[in-house]
Amino acid sequence: MKREVSLFKGAAAGLVAGFVASWVMNQFQAKLGESLSGRQKSHGAQSEQSGTPEGGVGEFLKKRGAEDSEDDAAERTANFLSVAAFNKPLSKGEKDLGGTIFHYAFGAGTGALYGAASEVVPFVRTGLGLPFGLGVWAVADEFVVPALGLSKSPSEYSASIHGYALCSHLVYGLATELTHRLTRRALSTREVF
């Protein structure tokens, strides 16, 4: 039987999978972070990559008196968007909510790209999503986020923080692949789209 190829169904399944995987990653980070440090953020996700970055978004916020060294990259992104668009720094609660929204949007969007790519190049799904999670960690966490000034340079964080982030993204990749399989199979058995 020939495999159905549909970029739309693949992307839709990936979008759902990325959203679910973001929630799974948050749960993993909350439990691991709580056991390692005894603290937990209210929205569940717990990035250990805090601290004021030099340059980029961190510098932009610092010049406007809106930088908080306790913010993670998602909270810093939400605060940056508010300050850049409305010249209004977010409160801690607003950053928490905005960071959560950005985290889920990024996870769902990345999942959609994964789902669409897997339609054209099925090899993308090799390794139960672990190579995908590794790739998201390497590109986003280790390169793009610091380059934009959303976190400090990777060399400024300990090996344990990198390991924590890597494990979190491996969980994200695995959850994305498993959820994508189920969702894509469901979309293939029905004429939904």
N, C-alpha and C. Protein backbone atom coordinates (compact mmCIF):
# COMPACT_ATOMS: atom_id res chain seq x y z
N MET A 1 0.84 -1.18 0.00
CA MET A 1 0.00 0.00 0.00
C MET A 1 0.88 1.24 0.00
N LYS A 2 0.56 2.16 -0.88
CA LYS A 2 1.34 3.38 -1.01
C LYS A 2 1.01 4.36 0.12
N ARG A 3 2.06 4.96 0.67
CA ARG A 3 1.90 5.93 1.76
C ARG A 3 1.34 7.23 1.21
N GLU A 4 0.30 7.73 1.88
CA GLU A 4 -0.30 9.01 1.51
C GLU A 4 0.65 10.14 1.90
N VAL A 5 0.87 11.07 0.99
CA VAL A 5 1.70 12.23 1.26
C VAL A 5 0.82 13.47 1.20
N SER A 6 0.76 14.19 2.31
CA SER A 6 -0.02 15.42 2.38
C SER A 6 0.71 16.40 3.31
N LEU A 7 1.24 17.46 2.71
CA LEU A 7 1.92 18.46 3.52
C LEU A 7 0.98 19.05 4.56
N PHE A 8 -0.28 19.28 4.17
CA PHE A 8 -1.24 19.87 5.08
C PHE A 8 -1.51 18.96 6.28
N LYS A 9 -1.76 17.67 6.00
CA LYS A 9 -2.02 16.73 7.11
C LYS A 9 -0.77 16.53 7.96
N GLY A 10 0.39 16.49 7.33
CA GLY A 10 1.63 16.35 8.08
C GLY A 10 1.87 17.54 8.99
N ALA A 11 1.66 18.74 8.43
CA ALA A 11 1.84 19.95 9.24
C ALA A 11 0.81 20.04 10.35
N ALA A 12 -0.44 19.67 10.06
CA ALA A 12 -1.50 19.70 11.08
C ALA A 12 -1.17 18.72 12.21
N ALA A 13 -0.75 17.52 11.84
CA ALA A 13 -0.38 16.52 12.86
C ALA A 13 0.83 17.01 13.65
N GLY A 14 1.78 17.65 12.97
CA GLY A 14 2.96 18.17 13.65
C GLY A 14 2.64 19.32 14.58
N LEU A 15 1.69 20.17 14.18
CA LEU A 15 1.26 21.29 15.02
C LEU A 15 0.69 20.77 16.34
N VAL A 16 -0.21 19.80 16.23
CA VAL A 16 -0.79 19.18 17.44
C VAL A 16 0.32 18.52 18.25
N ALA A 17 1.19 17.79 17.56
CA ALA A 17 2.26 17.07 18.26
C ALA A 17 3.21 18.03 18.96
N GLY A 18 3.56 19.13 18.30
CA GLY A 18 4.46 20.10 18.92
C GLY A 18 3.84 20.77 20.14
N PHE A 19 2.55 21.02 20.08
CA PHE A 19 1.84 21.62 21.22
C PHE A 19 1.84 20.64 22.40
N VAL A 20 1.46 19.39 22.12
CA VAL A 20 1.45 18.37 23.18
C VAL A 20 2.85 18.16 23.73
N ALA A 21 3.83 18.10 22.84
CA ALA A 21 5.22 17.87 23.28
C ALA A 21 5.73 19.04 24.12
N SER A 22 5.28 20.25 23.83
CA SER A 22 5.66 21.40 24.66
C SER A 22 5.12 21.25 26.07
N TRP A 23 3.90 20.73 26.18
CA TRP A 23 3.32 20.49 27.50
C TRP A 23 4.11 19.39 28.23
N VAL A 24 4.43 18.31 27.51
CA VAL A 24 5.21 17.22 28.11
C VAL A 24 6.57 17.74 28.56
N MET A 25 7.20 18.55 27.73
CA MET A 25 8.50 19.13 28.09
C MET A 25 8.37 20.01 29.34
N ASN A 26 7.31 20.81 29.42
CA ASN A 26 7.08 21.63 30.61
C ASN A 26 6.95 20.78 31.86
N GLN A 27 6.21 19.68 31.76
CA GLN A 27 6.03 18.79 32.91
C GLN A 27 7.36 18.18 33.32
N PHE A 28 8.14 17.75 32.34
CA PHE A 28 9.46 17.18 32.61
C PHE A 28 10.36 18.21 33.29
N GLN A 29 10.39 19.44 32.74
CA GLN A 29 11.23 20.49 33.32
C GLN A 29 10.78 20.86 34.72
N ALA A 30 9.48 20.90 34.94
CA ALA A 30 8.97 21.26 36.26
C ALA A 30 9.41 20.23 37.30
N LYS A 31 9.25 18.96 36.96
CA LYS A 31 9.63 17.90 37.91
C LYS A 31 11.14 17.84 38.11
N LEU A 32 11.88 17.91 37.01
CA LEU A 32 13.34 17.85 37.13
C LEU A 32 13.87 19.10 37.84
N GLY A 33 13.37 20.27 37.46
CA GLY A 33 13.81 21.51 38.09
C GLY A 33 13.50 21.55 39.56
N GLU A 34 12.32 21.06 39.91
CA GLU A 34 11.92 21.04 41.32
C GLU A 34 12.81 20.10 42.11
N SER A 35 13.13 18.95 41.53
CA SER A 35 13.97 18.00 42.26
C SER A 35 15.42 18.48 42.35
N LEU A 36 15.87 19.25 41.35
CA LEU A 36 17.26 19.73 41.38
C LEU A 36 17.43 20.98 42.21
N SER A 37 16.45 21.89 42.15
CA SER A 37 16.66 23.17 42.83
C SER A 37 15.62 23.48 43.90
N GLY A 38 14.56 22.68 43.96
CA GLY A 38 13.53 22.92 44.96
C GLY A 38 12.60 24.06 44.65
N ARG A 39 12.66 24.59 43.41
CA ARG A 39 11.76 25.67 43.04
C ARG A 39 11.07 25.33 41.72
N GLN A 40 9.95 25.96 41.50
CA GLN A 40 9.20 25.71 40.29
C GLN A 40 8.51 26.98 39.83
N LYS A 41 8.58 27.27 38.53
CA LYS A 41 7.85 28.41 37.98
C LYS A 41 6.38 28.03 37.90
N SER A 42 5.54 29.03 37.96
CA SER A 42 4.11 28.77 38.01
C SER A 42 3.57 28.13 36.74
N HIS A 43 4.18 28.38 35.58
CA HIS A 43 3.65 27.81 34.35
C HIS A 43 4.27 26.45 34.02
N GLY A 44 5.12 25.94 34.86
CA GLY A 44 5.65 24.61 34.67
C GLY A 44 7.03 24.58 34.04
N ALA A 45 7.24 25.33 32.98
CA ALA A 45 8.55 25.32 32.32
C ALA A 45 9.58 25.96 33.24
N GLN A 46 10.75 25.44 33.20
CA GLN A 46 11.79 26.00 34.06
C GLN A 46 13.11 25.98 33.32
N SER A 47 13.38 27.03 32.61
CA SER A 47 14.67 27.17 31.95
C SER A 47 15.67 27.61 33.00
N GLU A 48 16.79 26.97 32.99
CA GLU A 48 17.86 27.34 33.91
C GLU A 48 18.79 28.37 33.27
N GLN A 49 18.50 28.77 32.03
CA GLN A 49 19.36 29.70 31.31
C GLN A 49 18.89 31.13 31.53
N SER A 50 19.00 31.60 32.74
CA SER A 50 18.64 32.98 33.04
C SER A 50 19.92 33.81 33.11
N GLY A 51 19.77 35.06 33.43
CA GLY A 51 20.91 35.97 33.48
C GLY A 51 20.83 36.96 32.34
N THR A 52 21.31 38.17 32.56
CA THR A 52 21.20 39.21 31.55
C THR A 52 22.23 39.00 30.45
N PRO A 53 21.75 38.84 29.21
CA PRO A 53 22.67 38.69 28.09
C PRO A 53 23.27 40.03 27.67
N GLU A 54 24.46 39.98 27.12
CA GLU A 54 25.10 41.18 26.57
C GLU A 54 24.67 41.28 25.11
N GLY A 55 24.19 42.42 24.71
CA GLY A 55 23.80 42.62 23.32
C GLY A 55 22.40 42.13 23.02
N GLY A 56 21.96 42.41 21.83
CA GLY A 56 20.68 41.94 21.34
C GLY A 56 19.51 42.38 22.20
N VAL A 57 18.58 41.46 22.39
CA VAL A 57 17.35 41.74 23.15
C VAL A 57 17.66 42.13 24.58
N GLY A 58 18.60 41.44 25.22
CA GLY A 58 18.95 41.75 26.60
C GLY A 58 19.43 43.19 26.76
N GLU A 59 20.27 43.62 25.83
CA GLU A 59 20.79 45.00 25.86
C GLU A 59 19.67 46.00 25.59
N PHE A 60 18.80 45.68 24.63
CA PHE A 60 17.65 46.54 24.31
C PHE A 60 16.79 46.75 25.56
N LEU A 61 16.48 45.67 26.26
CA LEU A 61 15.64 45.76 27.46
C LEU A 61 16.36 46.49 28.59
N LYS A 62 17.66 46.23 28.73
CA LYS A 62 18.44 46.88 29.78
C LYS A 62 18.44 48.41 29.58
N LYS A 63 18.61 48.87 28.37
CA LYS A 63 18.63 50.31 28.07
C LYS A 63 17.29 50.97 28.38
N ARG A 64 16.23 50.19 28.37
CA ARG A 64 14.90 50.72 28.64
C ARG A 64 14.44 50.43 30.07
N GLY A 65 15.35 49.92 30.89
CA GLY A 65 15.03 49.62 32.28
C GLY A 65 14.03 48.50 32.44
N ALA A 66 13.97 47.60 31.45
CA ALA A 66 12.96 46.53 31.48
C ALA A 66 13.58 45.14 31.56
N GLU A 67 14.88 45.05 31.81
CA GLU A 67 15.55 43.75 31.87
C GLU A 67 15.50 43.18 33.28
N ASP A 68 15.21 41.90 33.38
CA ASP A 68 15.20 41.18 34.65
C ASP A 68 16.08 39.95 34.47
N SER A 69 17.15 39.86 35.22
CA SER A 69 18.10 38.76 35.06
C SER A 69 17.50 37.40 35.40
N GLU A 70 16.34 37.38 36.02
CA GLU A 70 15.68 36.12 36.35
C GLU A 70 14.84 35.57 35.20
N ASP A 71 14.60 36.41 34.17
CA ASP A 71 13.76 35.98 33.05
C ASP A 71 14.46 34.91 32.23
N ASP A 72 13.66 33.95 31.73
CA ASP A 72 14.19 32.99 30.78
C ASP A 72 13.97 33.54 29.37
N ALA A 73 14.41 32.82 28.35
CA ALA A 73 14.33 33.32 26.98
C ALA A 73 12.90 33.58 26.53
N ALA A 74 11.97 32.73 26.90
CA ALA A 74 10.57 32.92 26.49
C ALA A 74 9.97 34.16 27.16
N GLU A 75 10.24 34.35 28.44
CA GLU A 75 9.75 35.55 29.14
C GLU A 75 10.39 36.81 28.58
N ARG A 76 11.68 36.71 28.28
CA ARG A 76 12.40 37.86 27.71
C ARG A 76 11.83 38.20 26.33
N THR A 77 11.47 37.19 25.55
CA THR A 77 10.86 37.42 24.23
C THR A 77 9.54 38.15 24.38
N ALA A 78 8.69 37.69 25.29
CA ALA A 78 7.39 38.34 25.50
C ALA A 78 7.58 39.79 25.95
N ASN A 79 8.51 40.02 26.86
CA ASN A 79 8.76 41.37 27.35
C ASN A 79 9.31 42.25 26.23
N PHE A 80 10.21 41.71 25.43
CA PHE A 80 10.76 42.46 24.30
C PHE A 80 9.65 42.88 23.33
N LEU A 81 8.76 41.97 22.99
CA LEU A 81 7.68 42.30 22.06
C LEU A 81 6.80 43.41 22.61
N SER A 82 6.51 43.36 23.91
CA SER A 82 5.68 44.40 24.52
C SER A 82 6.40 45.75 24.54
N VAL A 83 7.66 45.75 24.91
CA VAL A 83 8.42 47.01 24.98
C VAL A 83 8.62 47.57 23.57
N ALA A 84 8.97 46.72 22.61
CA ALA A 84 9.22 47.19 21.24
C ALA A 84 7.94 47.70 20.58
N ALA A 85 6.82 47.01 20.79
CA ALA A 85 5.57 47.38 20.13
C ALA A 85 4.80 48.47 20.86
N PHE A 86 4.80 48.42 22.19
CA PHE A 86 3.94 49.32 22.97
C PHE A 86 4.68 50.20 23.96
N ASN A 87 6.01 50.03 24.02
CA ASN A 87 6.84 50.76 24.98
C ASN A 87 6.37 50.52 26.41
N LYS A 88 5.90 49.29 26.68
CA LYS A 88 5.36 48.92 27.99
C LYS A 88 6.01 47.62 28.47
N PRO A 89 6.86 47.71 29.50
CA PRO A 89 7.41 46.48 30.08
C PRO A 89 6.30 45.67 30.74
N LEU A 90 6.43 44.36 30.68
CA LEU A 90 5.44 43.48 31.29
C LEU A 90 5.73 43.27 32.77
N SER A 91 4.67 43.06 33.52
CA SER A 91 4.83 42.67 34.94
C SER A 91 5.32 41.22 34.97
N LYS A 92 5.72 40.76 36.14
CA LYS A 92 6.20 39.38 36.27
C LYS A 92 5.11 38.40 35.83
N GLY A 93 3.88 38.63 36.24
CA GLY A 93 2.79 37.75 35.84
C GLY A 93 2.53 37.77 34.34
N GLU A 94 2.63 38.96 33.75
CA GLU A 94 2.44 39.07 32.30
C GLU A 94 3.58 38.39 31.54
N LYS A 95 4.81 38.51 32.05
CA LYS A 95 5.93 37.82 31.42
C LYS A 95 5.77 36.32 31.53
N ASP A 96 5.28 35.86 32.67
CA ASP A 96 5.05 34.44 32.88
C ASP A 96 4.04 33.92 31.85
N LEU A 97 2.93 34.63 31.70
CA LEU A 97 1.90 34.23 30.73
C LEU A 97 2.42 34.36 29.31
N GLY A 98 3.04 35.49 28.98
CA GLY A 98 3.58 35.70 27.64
C GLY A 98 4.64 34.68 27.29
N GLY A 99 5.50 34.35 28.25
CA GLY A 99 6.53 33.34 28.03
C GLY A 99 5.92 31.98 27.76
N THR A 100 4.87 31.65 28.49
CA THR A 100 4.19 30.37 28.27
C THR A 100 3.58 30.33 26.88
N ILE A 101 2.90 31.41 26.48
CA ILE A 101 2.30 31.47 25.15
C ILE A 101 3.37 31.33 24.07
N PHE A 102 4.48 32.06 24.23
CA PHE A 102 5.55 31.98 23.24
C PHE A 102 6.13 30.57 23.19
N HIS A 103 6.35 29.95 24.35
CA HIS A 103 6.91 28.60 24.41
C HIS A 103 6.02 27.61 23.64
N TYR A 104 4.72 27.67 23.89
CA TYR A 104 3.80 26.76 23.20
C TYR A 104 3.71 27.08 21.71
N ALA A 105 3.71 28.35 21.35
CA ALA A 105 3.65 28.73 19.93
C ALA A 105 4.90 28.25 19.19
N PHE A 106 6.07 28.42 19.82
CA PHE A 106 7.31 27.97 19.21
C PHE A 106 7.31 26.44 19.08
N GLY A 107 6.91 25.76 20.14
CA GLY A 107 6.88 24.30 20.10
C GLY A 107 5.91 23.77 19.06
N ALA A 108 4.73 24.37 18.97
CA ALA A 108 3.74 23.94 17.98
C ALA A 108 4.22 24.25 16.56
N GLY A 109 4.81 25.44 16.37
CA GLY A 109 5.31 25.81 15.05
C GLY A 109 6.44 24.91 14.59
N THR A 110 7.35 24.60 15.50
CA THR A 110 8.45 23.70 15.18
C THR A 110 7.92 22.31 14.88
N GLY A 111 6.92 21.88 15.64
CA GLY A 111 6.28 20.59 15.37
C GLY A 111 5.62 20.56 14.00
N ALA A 112 4.98 21.66 13.60
CA ALA A 112 4.35 21.73 12.27
C ALA A 112 5.40 21.60 11.17
N LEU A 113 6.55 22.25 11.35
CA LEU A 113 7.63 22.11 10.37
C LEU A 113 8.12 20.67 10.31
N TYR A 114 8.25 20.05 11.47
CA TYR A 114 8.66 18.64 11.56
C TYR A 114 7.67 17.75 10.82
N GLY A 115 6.38 17.97 11.06
CA GLY A 115 5.35 17.16 10.41
C GLY A 115 5.34 17.33 8.91
N ALA A 116 5.47 18.57 8.43
CA ALA A 116 5.49 18.83 6.99
C ALA A 116 6.75 18.21 6.36
N ALA A 117 7.89 18.40 7.01
CA ALA A 117 9.14 17.85 6.48
C ALA A 117 9.09 16.33 6.41
N SER A 118 8.46 15.70 7.40
CA SER A 118 8.41 14.24 7.42
C SER A 118 7.55 13.67 6.29
N GLU A 119 6.67 14.48 5.73
CA GLU A 119 5.87 14.04 4.58
C GLU A 119 6.75 13.91 3.34
N VAL A 120 7.66 14.84 3.16
CA VAL A 120 8.51 14.88 1.98
C VAL A 120 9.75 14.01 2.15
N VAL A 121 10.31 14.04 3.35
CA VAL A 121 11.53 13.28 3.66
C VAL A 121 11.26 12.43 4.91
N PRO A 122 10.66 11.25 4.72
CA PRO A 122 10.30 10.41 5.88
C PRO A 122 11.47 10.10 6.82
N PHE A 123 12.68 10.17 6.31
CA PHE A 123 13.88 9.93 7.13
C PHE A 123 13.95 10.87 8.32
N VAL A 124 13.31 12.04 8.22
CA VAL A 124 13.29 13.03 9.32
C VAL A 124 12.81 12.38 10.61
N ARG A 125 11.93 11.40 10.50
CA ARG A 125 11.32 10.77 11.69
C ARG A 125 12.18 9.65 12.28
N THR A 126 13.34 9.42 11.76
CA THR A 126 14.23 8.38 12.26
C THR A 126 14.63 8.67 13.71
N GLY A 127 14.74 7.62 14.50
CA GLY A 127 15.25 7.76 15.87
C GLY A 127 14.22 8.22 16.88
N LEU A 128 12.94 7.96 16.62
CA LEU A 128 11.85 8.30 17.55
C LEU A 128 11.81 9.77 17.93
N GLY A 129 12.25 10.65 17.05
CA GLY A 129 12.21 12.08 17.32
C GLY A 129 13.38 12.60 18.12
N LEU A 130 14.26 11.71 18.59
CA LEU A 130 15.39 12.16 19.40
C LEU A 130 16.36 13.04 18.59
N PRO A 131 16.68 12.68 17.32
CA PRO A 131 17.52 13.60 16.54
C PRO A 131 16.85 14.96 16.32
N PHE A 132 15.53 14.96 16.17
CA PHE A 132 14.80 16.22 16.03
C PHE A 132 14.95 17.07 17.29
N GLY A 133 14.75 16.46 18.46
CA GLY A 133 14.91 17.18 19.73
C GLY A 133 16.33 17.70 19.89
N LEU A 134 17.30 16.88 19.52
CA LEU A 134 18.71 17.29 19.57
C LEU A 134 18.94 18.48 18.65
N GLY A 135 18.36 18.44 17.46
CA GLY A 135 18.51 19.54 16.51
C GLY A 135 17.89 20.83 17.01
N VAL A 136 16.69 20.74 17.60
CA VAL A 136 16.04 21.94 18.13
C VAL A 136 16.89 22.54 19.24
N TRP A 137 17.42 21.68 20.11
CA TRP A 137 18.29 22.16 21.19
C TRP A 137 19.53 22.85 20.62
N ALA A 138 20.21 22.18 19.67
CA ALA A 138 21.47 22.72 19.14
C ALA A 138 21.24 24.03 18.40
N VAL A 139 20.22 24.07 17.56
CA VAL A 139 19.99 25.28 16.75
C VAL A 139 19.38 26.40 17.58
N ALA A 140 18.29 26.09 18.29
CA ALA A 140 17.57 27.15 19.02
C ALA A 140 18.30 27.53 20.31
N ASP A 141 18.46 26.57 21.21
CA ASP A 141 19.02 26.86 22.54
C ASP A 141 20.49 27.28 22.50
N GLU A 142 21.26 26.59 21.68
CA GLU A 142 22.70 26.81 21.71
C GLU A 142 23.18 27.86 20.71
N PHE A 143 22.35 28.20 19.71
CA PHE A 143 22.81 29.17 18.71
C PHE A 143 21.89 30.38 18.58
N VAL A 144 20.65 30.18 18.16
CA VAL A 144 19.76 31.30 17.84
C VAL A 144 19.41 32.13 19.08
N VAL A 145 19.01 31.47 20.16
CA VAL A 145 18.60 32.20 21.37
C VAL A 145 19.73 33.07 21.91
N PRO A 146 20.96 32.55 22.06
CA PRO A 146 22.04 33.43 22.51
C PRO A 146 22.40 34.51 21.48
N ALA A 147 22.35 34.16 20.18
CA ALA A 147 22.70 35.13 19.14
C ALA A 147 21.74 36.32 19.14
N LEU A 148 20.49 36.09 19.50
CA LEU A 148 19.51 37.17 19.56
C LEU A 148 19.56 37.95 20.87
N GLY A 149 20.38 37.50 21.80
CA GLY A 149 20.46 38.17 23.10
C GLY A 149 19.30 37.81 24.00
N LEU A 150 18.72 36.63 23.80
CA LEU A 150 17.63 36.16 24.65
C LEU A 150 18.17 35.35 25.83
N SER A 151 19.41 34.92 25.73
CA SER A 151 20.11 34.27 26.84
C SER A 151 21.59 34.66 26.72
N LYS A 152 22.33 34.33 27.75
CA LYS A 152 23.76 34.59 27.71
C LYS A 152 24.41 33.60 26.74
N SER A 153 25.67 33.80 26.47
CA SER A 153 26.44 32.91 25.60
C SER A 153 26.46 31.50 26.19
N PRO A 154 26.44 30.46 25.35
CA PRO A 154 26.50 29.09 25.87
C PRO A 154 27.69 28.83 26.79
N SER A 155 28.81 29.50 26.56
CA SER A 155 29.99 29.29 27.39
C SER A 155 29.81 29.81 28.82
N GLU A 156 28.76 30.63 29.04
CA GLU A 156 28.52 31.19 30.37
C GLU A 156 27.64 30.29 31.24
N TYR A 157 27.22 29.15 30.71
CA TYR A 157 26.39 28.22 31.48
C TYR A 157 27.17 26.95 31.75
N SER A 158 26.87 26.33 32.86
CA SER A 158 27.57 25.10 33.26
C SER A 158 27.13 23.92 32.40
N ALA A 159 27.94 22.88 32.42
CA ALA A 159 27.61 21.65 31.70
C ALA A 159 26.28 21.07 32.18
N SER A 160 25.98 21.21 33.47
CA SER A 160 24.73 20.65 33.99
C SER A 160 23.52 21.39 33.43
N ILE A 161 23.64 22.69 33.21
CA ILE A 161 22.54 23.45 32.62
C ILE A 161 22.34 23.05 31.16
N HIS A 162 23.44 22.85 30.43
CA HIS A 162 23.33 22.38 29.05
C HIS A 162 22.70 20.98 29.02
N GLY A 163 23.11 20.13 29.95
CA GLY A 163 22.54 18.77 30.02
C GLY A 163 21.06 18.79 30.32
N TYR A 164 20.65 19.67 31.23
CA TYR A 164 19.24 19.84 31.58
C TYR A 164 18.44 20.26 30.35
N ALA A 165 18.97 21.24 29.61
CA ALA A 165 18.28 21.73 28.41
C ALA A 165 18.25 20.65 27.33
N LEU A 166 19.35 19.94 27.16
CA LEU A 166 19.40 18.87 26.16
C LEU A 166 18.38 17.78 26.49
N CYS A 167 18.36 17.33 27.73
CA CYS A 167 17.39 16.29 28.13
C CYS A 167 15.95 16.77 27.90
N SER A 168 15.68 18.01 28.22
CA SER A 168 14.34 18.58 28.01
C SER A 168 13.95 18.54 26.54
N HIS A 169 14.90 18.86 25.67
CA HIS A 169 14.61 18.86 24.24
C HIS A 169 14.53 17.45 23.66
N LEU A 170 15.25 16.50 24.23
CA LEU A 170 15.10 15.11 23.81
C LEU A 170 13.70 14.61 24.17
N VAL A 171 13.21 14.99 25.35
CA VAL A 171 11.84 14.65 25.75
C VAL A 171 10.85 15.29 24.77
N TYR A 172 11.09 16.56 24.41
CA TYR A 172 10.25 17.25 23.44
C TYR A 172 10.23 16.50 22.10
N GLY A 173 11.40 16.11 21.61
CA GLY A 173 11.49 15.40 20.33
C GLY A 173 10.77 14.07 20.35
N LEU A 174 10.97 13.30 21.41
CA LEU A 174 10.29 12.01 21.55
C LEU A 174 8.78 12.19 21.61
N ALA A 175 8.33 13.12 22.42
CA ALA A 175 6.88 13.37 22.54
C ALA A 175 6.30 13.87 21.23
N THR A 176 7.06 14.69 20.49
CA THR A 176 6.59 15.17 19.19
C THR A 176 6.40 14.00 18.23
N GLU A 177 7.39 13.13 18.14
CA GLU A 177 7.29 12.00 17.21
C GLU A 177 6.15 11.06 17.58
N LEU A 178 6.03 10.70 18.85
CA LEU A 178 4.97 9.75 19.25
C LEU A 178 3.59 10.35 19.03
N THR A 179 3.41 11.61 19.36
CA THR A 179 2.11 12.26 19.15
C THR A 179 1.84 12.46 17.67
N HIS A 180 2.88 12.79 16.91
CA HIS A 180 2.74 12.96 15.46
C HIS A 180 2.26 11.65 14.83
N ARG A 181 2.85 10.53 15.22
CA ARG A 181 2.44 9.23 14.67
C ARG A 181 0.96 8.99 14.87
N LEU A 182 0.50 9.18 16.09
CA LEU A 182 -0.91 8.94 16.40
C LEU A 182 -1.83 9.90 15.64
N THR A 183 -1.46 11.16 15.65
CA THR A 183 -2.30 12.17 15.01
C THR A 183 -2.31 12.00 13.50
N ARG A 184 -1.16 11.74 12.92
CA ARG A 184 -1.09 11.57 11.46
C ARG A 184 -1.86 10.34 11.03
N ARG A 185 -1.77 9.26 11.80
CA ARG A 185 -2.51 8.04 11.49
C ARG A 185 -4.02 8.32 11.54
N ALA A 186 -4.45 9.08 12.53
CA ALA A 186 -5.87 9.42 12.64
C ALA A 186 -6.32 10.26 11.45
N LEU A 187 -5.48 11.17 10.99
CA LEU A 187 -5.84 11.99 9.85
C LEU A 187 -5.85 11.20 8.55
N SER A 188 -5.05 10.13 8.47
CA SER A 188 -5.00 9.30 7.27
C SER A 188 -6.22 8.40 7.15
N THR A 189 -6.81 8.02 8.27
CA THR A 189 -7.96 7.11 8.23
C THR A 189 -9.26 7.81 7.98
N ARG A 190 -9.25 9.13 8.01
CA ARG A 190 -10.47 9.92 7.79
C ARG A 190 -10.21 10.95 6.72
N GLU A 191 -11.23 11.29 6.01
CA GLU A 191 -11.13 12.41 5.06
C GLU A 191 -11.50 13.68 5.80
N VAL A 192 -10.57 14.14 6.63
CA VAL A 192 -10.81 15.33 7.46
C VAL A 192 -10.56 16.59 6.66
N PHE A 193 -9.47 16.60 5.91
CA PHE A 193 -9.07 17.81 5.16
C PHE A 193 -9.07 17.51 3.68
